[in-house]
PDB file of N, CA and C in Angstrom:
ATOM      1  N   MET A   1       9.396  -3.523   4.087  1.00  0.00           N
ATOM      2  CA  MET A   1       8.680  -4.769   3.940  1.00  0.00           C
ATOM      3  C   MET A   1       8.179  -4.855   2.504  1.00  0.00           C
ATOM      4  N   GLY A   2       8.377  -5.965   1.862  1.00  0.00           N
ATOM      5  CA  GLY A   2       7.907  -6.123   0.499  1.00  0.00           C
ATOM      6  C   GLY A   2       7.089  -7.384   0.351  1.00  0.00           C
ATOM      7  N   SER A   3       6.164  -7.331  -0.559  1.00  0.00           N
ATOM      8  CA  SER A   3       5.348  -8.501  -0.869  1.00  0.00           C
ATOM      9  C   SER A   3       5.374  -8.714  -2.368  1.00  0.00           C
ATOM     10  N   ASN A   4       5.398  -9.978  -2.769  1.00  0.00           N
ATOM     11  CA  ASN A   4       5.405 -10.304  -4.187  1.00  0.00           C
ATOM     12  C   ASN A   4       4.172 -11.113  -4.535  1.00  0.00           C
ATOM     13  N   PHE A   5       3.573 -10.794  -5.669  1.00  0.00           N
ATOM     14  CA  PHE A   5       2.428 -11.523  -6.171  1.00  0.00           C
ATOM     15  C   PHE A   5       2.725 -11.928  -7.603  1.00  0.00           C
ATOM     16  N   ASP A   6       2.347 -13.124  -7.982  1.00  0.00           N
ATOM     17  CA  ASP A   6       2.551 -13.607  -9.343  1.00  0.00           C
ATOM     18  C   ASP A   6       1.210 -13.721 -10.049  1.00  0.00           C
ATOM     19  N   PHE A   7       1.180 -13.311 -11.324  1.00  0.00           N
ATOM     20  CA  PHE A   7      -0.030 -13.382 -12.124  1.00  0.00           C
ATOM     21  C   PHE A   7       0.311 -13.969 -13.476  1.00  0.00           C
ATOM     22  N   LYS A   8      -0.624 -14.713 -14.065  1.00  0.00           N
ATOM     23  CA  LYS A   8      -0.457 -15.264 -15.403  1.00  0.00           C
ATOM     24  C   LYS A   8      -1.192 -14.359 -16.380  1.00  0.00           C
ATOM     25  N   LEU A   9      -0.551 -14.051 -17.507  1.00  0.00           N
ATOM     26  CA  LEU A   9      -1.138 -13.158 -18.494  1.00  0.00           C
ATOM     27  C   LEU A   9      -0.889 -13.730 -19.881  1.00  0.00           C
ATOM     28  N   ASN A  10      -1.951 -13.918 -20.662  1.00  0.00           N
ATOM     29  CA  ASN A  10      -1.835 -14.388 -22.044  1.00  0.00           C
ATOM     30  C   ASN A  10      -1.991 -13.199 -22.982  1.00  0.00           C
ATOM     31  N   ILE A  11      -1.037 -13.058 -23.920  1.00  0.00           N
ATOM     32  CA  ILE A  11      -1.054 -11.916 -24.828  1.00  0.00           C
ATOM     33  C   ILE A  11      -0.921 -12.403 -26.269  1.00  0.00           C
ATOM     34  N   ASN A  12      -1.805 -11.913 -27.150  1.00  0.00           N
ATOM     35  CA  ASN A  12      -1.692 -12.146 -28.588  1.00  0.00           C
ATOM     36  C   ASN A  12      -0.573 -11.237 -29.077  1.00  0.00           C
ATOM     37  N   GLU A  13       0.439 -11.795 -29.743  1.00  0.00           N
ATOM     38  CA  GLU A  13       1.605 -10.996 -30.104  1.00  0.00           C
ATOM     39  C   GLU A  13       1.291  -9.837 -31.045  1.00  0.00           C
ATOM     40  N   ASN A  14       0.156  -9.858 -31.740  1.00  0.00           N
ATOM     41  CA  ASN A  14      -0.230  -8.733 -32.591  1.00  0.00           C
ATOM     42  C   ASN A  14      -0.624  -7.513 -31.765  1.00  0.00           C
ATOM     43  N   ASN A  15      -1.001  -7.742 -30.533  1.00  0.00           N
ATOM     44  CA  ASN A  15      -1.471  -6.654 -29.675  1.00  0.00           C
ATOM     45  C   ASN A  15      -0.512  -6.343 -28.533  1.00  0.00           C
ATOM     46  N   ILE A  16       0.738  -6.710 -28.665  1.00  0.00           N
ATOM     47  CA  ILE A  16       1.690  -6.535 -27.566  1.00  0.00           C
ATOM     48  C   ILE A  16       1.806  -5.078 -27.114  1.00  0.00           C
ATOM     49  N   PRO A  17       1.994  -4.098 -28.004  1.00  0.00           N
ATOM     50  CA  PRO A  17       2.104  -2.714 -27.518  1.00  0.00           C
ATOM     51  C   PRO A  17       0.873  -2.259 -26.732  1.00  0.00           C
ATOM     52  N   LEU A  18      -0.307  -2.604 -27.217  1.00  0.00           N
ATOM     53  CA  LEU A  18      -1.539  -2.239 -26.521  1.00  0.00           C
ATOM     54  C   LEU A  18      -1.632  -2.962 -25.180  1.00  0.00           C
ATOM     55  N   ALA A  19      -1.277  -4.236 -25.173  1.00  0.00           N
ATOM     56  CA  ALA A  19      -1.333  -5.022 -23.935  1.00  0.00           C
ATOM     57  C   ALA A  19      -0.366  -4.474 -22.895  1.00  0.00           C
ATOM     58  N   ILE A  20       0.821  -4.082 -23.308  1.00  0.00           N
ATOM     59  CA  ILE A  20       1.803  -3.521 -22.380  1.00  0.00           C
ATOM     60  C   ILE A  20       1.282  -2.221 -21.789  1.00  0.00           C
ATOM     61  N   SER A  21       0.713  -1.374 -22.619  1.00  0.00           N
ATOM     62  CA  SER A  21       0.146  -0.113 -22.143  1.00  0.00           C
ATOM     63  C   SER A  21      -0.989  -0.359 -21.153  1.00  0.00           C
ATOM     64  N   GLU A  22      -1.863  -1.293 -21.490  1.00  0.00           N
ATOM     65  CA  GLU A  22      -2.989  -1.610 -20.609  1.00  0.00           C
ATOM     66  C   GLU A  22      -2.501  -2.196 -19.285  1.00  0.00           C
ATOM     67  N   LEU A  23      -1.497  -3.035 -19.353  1.00  0.00           N
ATOM     68  CA  LEU A  23      -0.947  -3.633 -18.137  1.00  0.00           C
ATOM     69  C   LEU A  23      -0.322  -2.573 -17.229  1.00  0.00           C
ATOM     70  N   ARG A  24       0.384  -1.617 -17.822  1.00  0.00           N
ATOM     71  CA  ARG A  24       0.968  -0.523 -17.024  1.00  0.00           C
ATOM     72  C   ARG A  24      -0.130   0.296 -16.336  1.00  0.00           C
ATOM     73  N   ASN A  25      -1.199   0.582 -17.076  1.00  0.00           N
ATOM     74  CA  ASN A  25      -2.315   1.332 -16.488  1.00  0.00           C
ATOM     75  C   ASN A  25      -2.960   0.554 -15.348  1.00  0.00           C
ATOM     76  N   LYS A  26      -3.117  -0.734 -15.529  1.00  0.00           N
ATOM     77  CA  LYS A  26      -3.719  -1.555 -14.475  1.00  0.00           C
ATOM     78  C   LYS A  26      -2.801  -1.647 -13.264  1.00  0.00           C
ATOM     79  N   LYS A  27      -1.505  -1.737 -13.513  1.00  0.00           N
ATOM     80  CA  LYS A  27      -0.556  -1.786 -12.401  1.00  0.00           C
ATOM     81  C   LYS A  27      -0.639  -0.502 -11.583  1.00  0.00           C
ATOM     82  N   ARG A  28      -0.738   0.610 -12.262  1.00  0.00           N
ATOM     83  CA  ARG A  28      -0.874   1.901 -11.576  1.00  0.00           C
ATOM     84  C   ARG A  28      -2.170   1.929 -10.754  1.00  0.00           C
ATOM     85  N   ARG A  29      -3.266   1.425 -11.330  1.00  0.00           N
ATOM     86  CA  ARG A  29      -4.548   1.367 -10.604  1.00  0.00           C
ATOM     87  C   ARG A  29      -4.457   0.455  -9.388  1.00  0.00           C
ATOM     88  N   ILE A  30      -3.746  -0.656  -9.533  1.00  0.00           N
ATOM     89  CA  ILE A  30      -3.562  -1.567  -8.399  1.00  0.00           C
ATOM     90  C   ILE A  30      -2.835  -0.848  -7.268  1.00  0.00           C
ATOM     91  N   LEU A  31      -1.741  -0.190  -7.583  1.00  0.00           N
ATOM     92  CA  LEU A  31      -0.968   0.511  -6.554  1.00  0.00           C
ATOM     93  C   LEU A  31      -1.797   1.603  -5.889  1.00  0.00           C
ATOM     94  N   GLU A  32      -2.549   2.345  -6.672  1.00  0.00           N
ATOM     95  CA  GLU A  32      -3.399   3.412  -6.131  1.00  0.00           C
ATOM     96  C   GLU A  32      -4.486   2.820  -5.232  1.00  0.00           C
ATOM     97  N   THR A  33      -5.105   1.737  -5.671  1.00  0.00           N
ATOM     98  CA  THR A  33      -6.149   1.072  -4.886  1.00  0.00           C
ATOM     99  C   THR A  33      -5.581   0.549  -3.572  1.00  0.00           C
ATOM    100  N   TRP A  34      -4.420  -0.095  -3.650  1.00  0.00           N
ATOM    101  CA  TRP A  34      -3.776  -0.588  -2.430  1.00  0.00           C
ATOM    102  C   TRP A  34      -3.471   0.563  -1.478  1.00  0.00           C
ATOM    103  N   GLY A  35      -2.946   1.654  -2.022  1.00  0.00           N
ATOM    104  CA  GLY A  35      -2.601   2.797  -1.179  1.00  0.00           C
ATOM    105  C   GLY A  35      -3.802   3.341  -0.438  1.00  0.00           C
ATOM    106  N   LEU A  36      -4.894   3.561  -1.154  1.00  0.00           N
ATOM    107  CA  LEU A  36      -6.114   4.081  -0.520  1.00  0.00           C
ATOM    108  C   LEU A  36      -6.633   3.128   0.549  1.00  0.00           C
ATOM    109  N   PHE A  37      -6.650   1.841   0.238  1.00  0.00           N
ATOM    110  CA  PHE A  37      -7.121   0.836   1.192  1.00  0.00           C
ATOM    111  C   PHE A  37      -6.225   0.796   2.434  1.00  0.00           C
ATOM    112  N   LEU A  38      -4.910   0.775   2.221  1.00  0.00           N
ATOM    113  CA  LEU A  38      -3.993   0.659   3.354  1.00  0.00           C
ATOM    114  C   LEU A  38      -3.986   1.901   4.232  1.00  0.00           C
ATOM    115  N   VAL A  39      -4.175   3.069   3.652  1.00  0.00           N
ATOM    116  CA  VAL A  39      -4.285   4.282   4.468  1.00  0.00           C
ATOM    117  C   VAL A  39      -5.443   4.133   5.448  1.00  0.00           C
ATOM    118  N   THR A  40      -6.571   3.655   4.975  1.00  0.00           N
ATOM    119  CA  THR A  40      -7.738   3.449   5.840  1.00  0.00           C
ATOM    120  C   THR A  40      -7.421   2.464   6.955  1.00  0.00           C
ATOM    121  N   GLN A  41      -6.755   1.365   6.608  1.00  0.00           N
ATOM    122  CA  GLN A  41      -6.436   0.339   7.601  1.00  0.00           C
ATOM    123  C   GLN A  41      -5.410   0.835   8.620  1.00  0.00           C
ATOM    124  N   VAL A  42      -4.400   1.558   8.155  1.00  0.00           N
ATOM    125  CA  VAL A  42      -3.369   2.093   9.049  1.00  0.00           C
ATOM    126  C   VAL A  42      -3.981   3.108  10.011  1.00  0.00           C
ATOM    127  N   LYS A  43      -4.857   3.964   9.495  1.00  0.00           N
ATOM    128  CA  LYS A  43      -5.482   4.975  10.354  1.00  0.00           C
ATOM    129  C   LYS A  43      -6.281   4.345  11.491  1.00  0.00           C
ATOM    130  N   LYS A  44      -6.859   3.167  11.248  1.00  0.00           N
ATOM    131  CA  LYS A  44      -7.624   2.487  12.297  1.00  0.00           C
ATOM    132  C   LYS A  44      -6.735   2.093  13.474  1.00  0.00           C
ATOM    133  N   LEU A  45      -5.455   1.842  13.213  1.00  0.00           N
ATOM    134  CA  LEU A  45      -4.525   1.407  14.260  1.00  0.00           C
ATOM    135  C   LEU A  45      -3.639   2.521  14.805  1.00  0.00           C
ATOM    136  N   THR A  46      -3.703   3.689  14.200  1.00  0.00           N
ATOM    137  CA  THR A  46      -2.827   4.780  14.614  1.00  0.00           C
ATOM    138  C   THR A  46      -3.246   5.323  15.976  1.00  0.00           C
ATOM    139  N   PRO A  47      -2.301   5.362  16.935  1.00  0.00           N
ATOM    140  CA  PRO A  47      -2.621   5.937  18.243  1.00  0.00           C
ATOM    141  C   PRO A  47      -3.028   7.404  18.096  1.00  0.00           C
ATOM    142  N   VAL A  48      -3.984   7.826  18.905  1.00  0.00           N
ATOM    143  CA  VAL A  48      -4.498   9.193  18.790  1.00  0.00           C
ATOM    144  C   VAL A  48      -4.338   9.934  20.108  1.00  0.00           C
ATOM    145  N   ASP A  49      -3.714  11.097  20.028  1.00  0.00           N
ATOM    146  CA  ASP A  49      -3.685  12.038  21.144  1.00  0.00           C
ATOM    147  C   ASP A  49      -4.400  13.292  20.643  1.00  0.00           C
ATOM    148  N   THR A  50      -3.754  13.990  19.729  1.00  0.00           N
ATOM    149  CA  THR A  50      -4.382  15.186  19.145  1.00  0.00           C
ATOM    150  C   THR A  50      -5.044  14.877  17.801  1.00  0.00           C
ATOM    151  N   GLY A  51      -4.703  13.744  17.202  1.00  0.00           N
ATOM    152  CA  GLY A  51      -5.228  13.385  15.887  1.00  0.00           C
ATOM    153  C   GLY A  51      -4.301  13.772  14.754  1.00  0.00           C
ATOM    154  N   ARG A  52      -3.234  14.504  15.073  1.00  0.00           N
ATOM    155  CA  ARG A  52      -2.311  14.968  14.036  1.00  0.00           C
ATOM    156  C   ARG A  52      -1.642  13.798  13.310  1.00  0.00           C
ATOM    157  N   LEU A  53      -1.194  12.808  14.065  1.00  0.00           N
ATOM    158  CA  LEU A  53      -0.518  11.665  13.452  1.00  0.00           C
ATOM    159  C   LEU A  53      -1.477  10.906  12.536  1.00  0.00           C
ATOM    160  N   ARG A  54      -2.643  10.585  13.026  1.00  0.00           N
ATOM    161  CA  ARG A  54      -3.621   9.843  12.215  1.00  0.00           C
ATOM    162  C   ARG A  54      -3.986  10.625  10.950  1.00  0.00           C
ATOM    163  N   ASN A  55      -4.193  11.917  11.083  1.00  0.00           N
ATOM    164  CA  ASN A  55      -4.564  12.741   9.921  1.00  0.00           C
ATOM    165  C   ASN A  55      -3.434  12.886   8.905  1.00  0.00           C
ATOM    166  N   SER A  56      -2.207  12.599   9.324  1.00  0.00           N
ATOM    167  CA  SER A  56      -1.061  12.747   8.419  1.00  0.00           C
ATOM    168  C   SER A  56      -0.787  11.492   7.586  1.00  0.00           C
ATOM    169  N   ILE A  57      -1.488  10.409   7.863  1.00  0.00           N
ATOM    170  CA  ILE A  57      -1.243   9.159   7.130  1.00  0.00           C
ATOM    171  C   ILE A  57      -1.738   9.317   5.687  1.00  0.00           C
ATOM    172  N   THR A  58      -0.827   9.097   4.739  1.00  0.00           N
ATOM    173  CA  THR A  58      -1.152   9.222   3.317  1.00  0.00           C
ATOM    174  C   THR A  58      -0.447   8.109   2.535  1.00  0.00           C
ATOM    175  N   HIS A  59      -0.709   8.086   1.247  1.00  0.00           N
ATOM    176  CA  HIS A  59       0.002   7.152   0.373  1.00  0.00           C
ATOM    177  C   HIS A  59       0.507   7.903  -0.848  1.00  0.00           C
ATOM    178  N   GLU A  60       1.523   7.318  -1.478  1.00  0.00           N
ATOM    179  CA  GLU A  60       2.053   7.892  -2.710  1.00  0.00           C
ATOM    180  C   GLU A  60       2.592   6.762  -3.576  1.00  0.00           C
ATOM    181  N   VAL A  61       2.198   6.756  -4.832  1.00  0.00           N
ATOM    182  CA  VAL A  61       2.749   5.789  -5.773  1.00  0.00           C
ATOM    183  C   VAL A  61       4.117   6.318  -6.186  1.00  0.00           C
ATOM    184  N   GLU A  62       5.130   5.483  -5.977  1.00  0.00           N
ATOM    185  CA  GLU A  62       6.512   5.870  -6.280  1.00  0.00           C
ATOM    186  C   GLU A  62       7.026   5.011  -7.426  1.00  0.00           C
ATOM    187  N   GLY A  63       7.264   5.624  -8.552  1.00  0.00           N
ATOM    188  CA  GLY A  63       7.731   4.869  -9.707  1.00  0.00           C
ATOM    189  C   GLY A  63       6.636   3.972 -10.255  1.00  0.00           C
ATOM    190  N   GLU A  64       7.045   2.863 -10.848  1.00  0.00           N
ATOM    191  CA  GLU A  64       6.083   1.959 -11.485  1.00  0.00           C
ATOM    192  C   GLU A  64       5.709   0.766 -10.623  1.00  0.00           C
ATOM    193  N   ASN A  65       6.427   0.533  -9.516  1.00  0.00           N
ATOM    194  CA  ASN A  65       6.235  -0.713  -8.781  1.00  0.00           C
ATOM    195  C   ASN A  65       6.015  -0.561  -7.283  1.00  0.00           C
ATOM    196  N   THR A  66       5.891   0.652  -6.786  1.00  0.00           N
ATOM    197  CA  THR A  66       5.860   0.839  -5.339  1.00  0.00           C
ATOM    198  C   THR A  66       4.780   1.816  -4.927  1.00  0.00           C
ATOM    199  N   VAL A  67       4.100   1.489  -3.838  1.00  0.00           N
ATOM    200  CA  VAL A  67       3.225   2.451  -3.181  1.00  0.00           C
ATOM    201  C   VAL A  67       3.715   2.564  -1.739  1.00  0.00           C
ATOM    202  N   ALA A  68       3.940   3.791  -1.303  1.00  0.00           N
ATOM    203  CA  ALA A  68       4.405   4.047   0.061  1.00  0.00           C
ATOM    204  C   ALA A  68       3.236   4.563   0.889  1.00  0.00           C
ATOM    205  N   VAL A  69       3.105   4.023   2.090  1.00  0.00           N
ATOM    206  CA  VAL A  69       2.079   4.464   3.029  1.00  0.00           C
ATOM    207  C   VAL A  69       2.802   4.893   4.288  1.00  0.00           C
ATOM    208  N   GLY A  70       2.516   6.091   4.762  1.00  0.00           N
ATOM    209  CA  GLY A  70       3.191   6.558   5.960  1.00  0.00           C
ATOM    210  C   GLY A  70       2.778   7.960   6.335  1.00  0.00           C
ATOM    211  N   SER A  71       3.628   8.570   7.156  1.00  0.00           N
ATOM    212  CA  SER A  71       3.361   9.894   7.696  1.00  0.00           C
ATOM    213  C   SER A  71       4.591  10.772   7.546  1.00  0.00           C
ATOM    214  N   ASN A  72       4.368  12.067   7.398  1.00  0.00           N
ATOM    215  CA  ASN A  72       5.477  13.012   7.382  1.00  0.00           C
ATOM    216  C   ASN A  72       5.635  13.724   8.724  1.00  0.00           C
ATOM    217  N   VAL A  73       4.850  13.321   9.717  1.00  0.00           N
ATOM    218  CA  VAL A  73       4.959  13.916  11.049  1.00  0.00           C
ATOM    219  C   VAL A  73       6.266  13.441  11.674  1.00  0.00           C
ATOM    220  N   GLU A  74       7.040  14.373  12.199  1.00  0.00           N
ATOM    221  CA  GLU A  74       8.386  14.071  12.689  1.00  0.00           C
ATOM    222  C   GLU A  74       8.427  13.010  13.790  1.00  0.00           C
ATOM    223  N   TYR A  75       7.396  12.882  14.584  1.00  0.00           N
ATOM    224  CA  TYR A  75       7.429  11.920  15.687  1.00  0.00           C
ATOM    225  C   TYR A  75       6.803  10.571  15.328  1.00  0.00           C
ATOM    226  N   ALA A  76       6.354  10.396  14.101  1.00  0.00           N
ATOM    227  CA  ALA A  76       5.700   9.140  13.695  1.00  0.00           C
ATOM    228  C   ALA A  76       6.607   7.930  13.912  1.00  0.00           C
ATOM    229  N   LYS A  77       7.879   8.052  13.547  1.00  0.00           N
ATOM    230  CA  LYS A  77       8.789   6.907  13.692  1.00  0.00           C
ATOM    231  C   LYS A  77       8.997   6.531  15.148  1.00  0.00           C
ATOM    232  N   TYR A  78       8.959   7.516  16.053  1.00  0.00           N
ATOM    233  CA  TYR A  78       9.143   7.209  17.473  1.00  0.00           C
ATOM    234  C   TYR A  78       7.922   6.496  18.045  1.00  0.00           C
ATOM    235  N   VAL A  79       6.743   6.895  17.597  1.00  0.00           N
ATOM    236  CA  VAL A  79       5.520   6.211  18.039  1.00  0.00           C
ATOM    237  C   VAL A  79       5.524   4.782  17.498  1.00  0.00           C
ATOM    238  N   CYS A  80       5.850   4.634  16.237  1.00  0.00           N
ATOM    239  CA  CYS A  80       5.802   3.327  15.575  1.00  0.00           C
ATOM    240  C   CYS A  80       6.889   2.379  16.096  1.00  0.00           C
ATOM    241  N   LEU A  81       8.106   2.865  16.205  1.00  0.00           N
ATOM    242  CA  LEU A  81       9.235   2.012  16.577  1.00  0.00           C
ATOM    243  C   LEU A  81       9.577   2.059  18.060  1.00  0.00           C
ATOM    244  N   GLY A  82       9.094   3.078  18.753  1.00  0.00           N
ATOM    245  CA  GLY A  82       9.392   3.228  20.170  1.00  0.00           C
ATOM    246  C   GLY A  82      10.740   3.895  20.409  1.00  0.00           C
ATOM    247  N   THR A  83      11.006   4.165  21.673  1.00  0.00           N
ATOM    248  CA  THR A  83      12.283   4.724  22.107  1.00  0.00           C
ATOM    249  C   THR A  83      12.704   3.952  23.353  1.00  0.00           C
ATOM    250  N   ARG A  84      13.808   4.358  23.948  1.00  0.00           N
ATOM    251  CA  ARG A  84      14.226   3.693  25.188  1.00  0.00           C
ATOM    252  C   ARG A  84      13.182   3.861  26.284  1.00  0.00           C
ATOM    253  N   LYS A  85      12.481   4.972  26.256  1.00  0.00           N
ATOM    254  CA  LYS A  85      11.523   5.273  27.326  1.00  0.00           C
ATOM    255  C   LYS A  85      10.064   5.056  26.922  1.00  0.00           C
ATOM    256  N   MET A  86       9.823   4.789  25.653  1.00  0.00           N
ATOM    257  CA  MET A  86       8.445   4.639  25.186  1.00  0.00           C
ATOM    258  C   MET A  86       8.309   3.346  24.378  1.00  0.00           C
ATOM    259  N   LYS A  87       7.333   2.553  24.732  1.00  0.00           N
ATOM    260  CA  LYS A  87       7.074   1.295  24.046  1.00  0.00           C
ATOM    261  C   LYS A  87       6.613   1.563  22.606  1.00  0.00           C
ATOM    262  N   ALA A  88       7.072   0.725  21.681  1.00  0.00           N
ATOM    263  CA  ALA A  88       6.663   0.836  20.277  1.00  0.00           C
ATOM    264  C   ALA A  88       5.177   0.527  20.136  1.00  0.00           C
ATOM    265  N   ARG A  89       4.521   1.300  19.282  1.00  0.00           N
ATOM    266  CA  ARG A  89       3.116   1.057  18.936  1.00  0.00           C
ATOM    267  C   ARG A  89       3.028   1.018  17.413  1.00  0.00           C
ATOM    268  N   ASP A  90       3.417  -0.133  16.883  1.00  0.00           N
ATOM    269  CA  ASP A  90       3.502  -0.288  15.426  1.00  0.00           C
ATOM    270  C   ASP A  90       2.112  -0.281  14.799  1.00  0.00           C
ATOM    271  N   PHE A  91       1.814   0.781  14.113  1.00  0.00           N
ATOM    272  CA  PHE A  91       0.518   0.919  13.444  1.00  0.00           C
ATOM    273  C   PHE A  91       0.651   0.743  11.932  1.00  0.00           C
ATOM    274  N   LEU A  92       1.884   0.593  11.432  1.00  0.00           N
ATOM    275  CA  LEU A  92       2.099   0.478   9.988  1.00  0.00           C
ATOM    276  C   LEU A  92       2.179  -0.961   9.483  1.00  0.00           C
ATOM    277  N   THR A  93       2.899  -1.814  10.171  1.00  0.00           N
ATOM    278  CA  THR A  93       3.129  -3.173   9.682  1.00  0.00           C
ATOM    279  C   THR A  93       1.905  -4.085   9.741  1.00  0.00           C
ATOM    280  N   PRO A  94       1.136  -4.105  10.842  1.00  0.00           N
ATOM    281  CA  PRO A  94       0.011  -5.051  10.931  1.00  0.00           C
ATOM    282  C   PRO A  94      -1.000  -4.988   9.780  1.00  0.00           C
ATOM    283  N   PRO A  95      -1.394  -3.810   9.294  1.00  0.00           N
ATOM    284  CA  PRO A  95      -2.358  -3.803   8.179  1.00  0.00           C
ATOM    285  C   PRO A  95      -1.832  -4.486   6.913  1.00  0.00           C
ATOM    286  N   PHE A  96      -0.535  -4.375   6.652  1.00  0.00           N
ATOM    287  CA  PHE A  96       0.040  -5.036   5.482  1.00  0.00           C
ATOM    288  C   PHE A  96      -0.024  -6.551   5.655  1.00  0.00           C
ATOM    289  N   LYS A  97       0.385  -7.016   6.823  1.00  0.00           N
ATOM    290  CA  LYS A  97       0.395  -8.461   7.080  1.00  0.00           C
ATOM    291  C   LYS A  97      -1.019  -9.035   7.116  1.00  0.00           C
ATOM    292  N   LYS A  98      -1.922  -8.351   7.786  1.00  0.00           N
ATOM    293  CA  LYS A  98      -3.291  -8.841   7.963  1.00  0.00           C
ATOM    294  C   LYS A  98      -4.051  -8.913   6.636  1.00  0.00           C
ATOM    295  N   ASN A  99      -3.760  -8.015   5.725  1.00  0.00           N
ATOM    296  CA  ASN A  99      -4.557  -7.877   4.499  1.00  0.00           C
ATOM    297  C   ASN A  99      -3.865  -8.372   3.235  1.00  0.00           C
ATOM    298  N   LYS A 100      -2.832  -9.178   3.382  1.00  0.00           N
ATOM    299  CA  LYS A 100      -2.081  -9.642   2.213  1.00  0.00           C
ATOM    300  C   LYS A 100      -2.986 -10.350   1.198  1.00  0.00           C
ATOM    301  N   ASP A 101      -3.857 -11.230   1.673  1.00  0.00           N
ATOM    302  CA  ASP A 101      -4.761 -11.941   0.758  1.00  0.00           C
ATOM    303  C   ASP A 101      -5.763 -10.991   0.106  1.00  0.00           C
ATOM    304  N   LYS A 102      -6.245 -10.029   0.873  1.00  0.00           N
ATOM    305  CA  LYS A 102      -7.200  -9.054   0.335  1.00  0.00           C
ATOM    306  C   LYS A 102      -6.530  -8.197  -0.748  1.00  0.00           C
ATOM    307  N   LEU A 103      -5.279  -7.806  -0.524  1.00  0.00           N
ATOM    308  CA  LEU A 103      -4.545  -7.020  -1.513  1.00  0.00           C
ATOM    309  C   LEU A 103      -4.361  -7.820  -2.805  1.00  0.00           C
ATOM    310  N   LYS A 104      -4.063  -9.094  -2.653  1.00  0.00           N
ATOM    311  CA  LYS A 104      -3.900  -9.954  -3.834  1.00  0.00           C
ATOM    312  C   LYS A 104      -5.212 -10.047  -4.604  1.00  0.00           C
ATOM    313  N   THR A 105      -6.319 -10.218  -3.891  1.00  0.00           N
ATOM    314  CA  THR A 105      -7.635 -10.295  -4.535  1.00  0.00           C
ATOM    315  C   THR A 105      -7.970  -8.996  -5.257  1.00  0.00           C
ATOM    316  N   MET A 106      -7.658  -7.860  -4.641  1.00  0.00           N
ATOM    317  CA  MET A 106      -7.893  -6.561  -5.288  1.00  0.00           C
ATOM    318  C   MET A 106      -7.136  -6.494  -6.614  1.00  0.00           C
ATOM    319  N   ALA A 107      -5.877  -6.906  -6.591  1.00  0.00           N
ATOM    320  CA  ALA A 107      -5.055  -6.873  -7.802  1.00  0.00           C
ATOM    321  C   ALA A 107      -5.628  -7.800  -8.868  1.00  0.00           C
ATOM    322  N   GLU A 108      -6.009  -8.991  -8.465  1.00  0.00           N
ATOM    323  CA  GLU A 108      -6.574  -9.944  -9.424  1.00  0.00           C
ATOM    324  C   GLU A 108      -7.849  -9.402 -10.059  1.00  0.00           C
ATOM    325  N   ASN A 109      -8.690  -8.756  -9.259  1.00  0.00           N
ATOM    326  CA  ASN A 109      -9.936  -8.194  -9.795  1.00  0.00           C
ATOM    327  C   ASN A 109      -9.668  -7.089 -10.810  1.00  0.00           C
ATOM    328  N   ILE A 110      -8.700  -6.251 -10.539  1.00  0.00           N
ATOM    329  CA  ILE A 110      -8.358  -5.180 -11.484  1.00  0.00           C
ATOM    330  C   ILE A 110      -7.789  -5.778 -12.769  1.00  0.00           C
ATOM    331  N   LEU A 111      -6.957  -6.792 -12.644  1.00  0.00           N
ATOM    332  CA  LEU A 111      -6.368  -7.414 -13.834  1.00  0.00           C
ATOM    333  C   LEU A 111      -7.408  -8.125 -14.696  1.00  0.00           C
ATOM    334  N   LYS A 112      -8.496  -8.584 -14.079  1.00  0.00           N
ATOM    335  CA  LYS A 112      -9.555  -9.274 -14.831  1.00  0.00           C
ATOM    336  C   LYS A 112     -10.459  -8.306 -15.591  1.00  0.00           C
ATOM    337  N   GLU A 113     -10.450  -7.045 -15.230  1.00  0.00           N
ATOM    338  CA  GLU A 113     -11.334  -6.053 -15.870  1.00  0.00           C
ATOM    339  C   GLU A 113     -10.980  -5.869 -17.330  1.00  0.00           C
TER     340      GLU A 113
END
């Protein structure tokens, strides 16, 4: 699932190298902030038996444009997507959909700093 956000940025051409560096740093902060926030939201919806699945939810910034939120527990995909015998309990997708506006606001606030 991907989401796109558009932002307007005015740059004085004398400061382009500095502006590019600052923008990259802010983009990294945005991804990190989103990851931390989404981990909290995903954990709220994660089904709990022993707590192992919920405790395994983490985030990782991948490259310059992506933050991944998920679990490395082998059965996470079966809980989330279901099986023939077990109903899906999607705990990953709803937080992204529910908080799209909040994520955009977080990004805008970081860019304004």
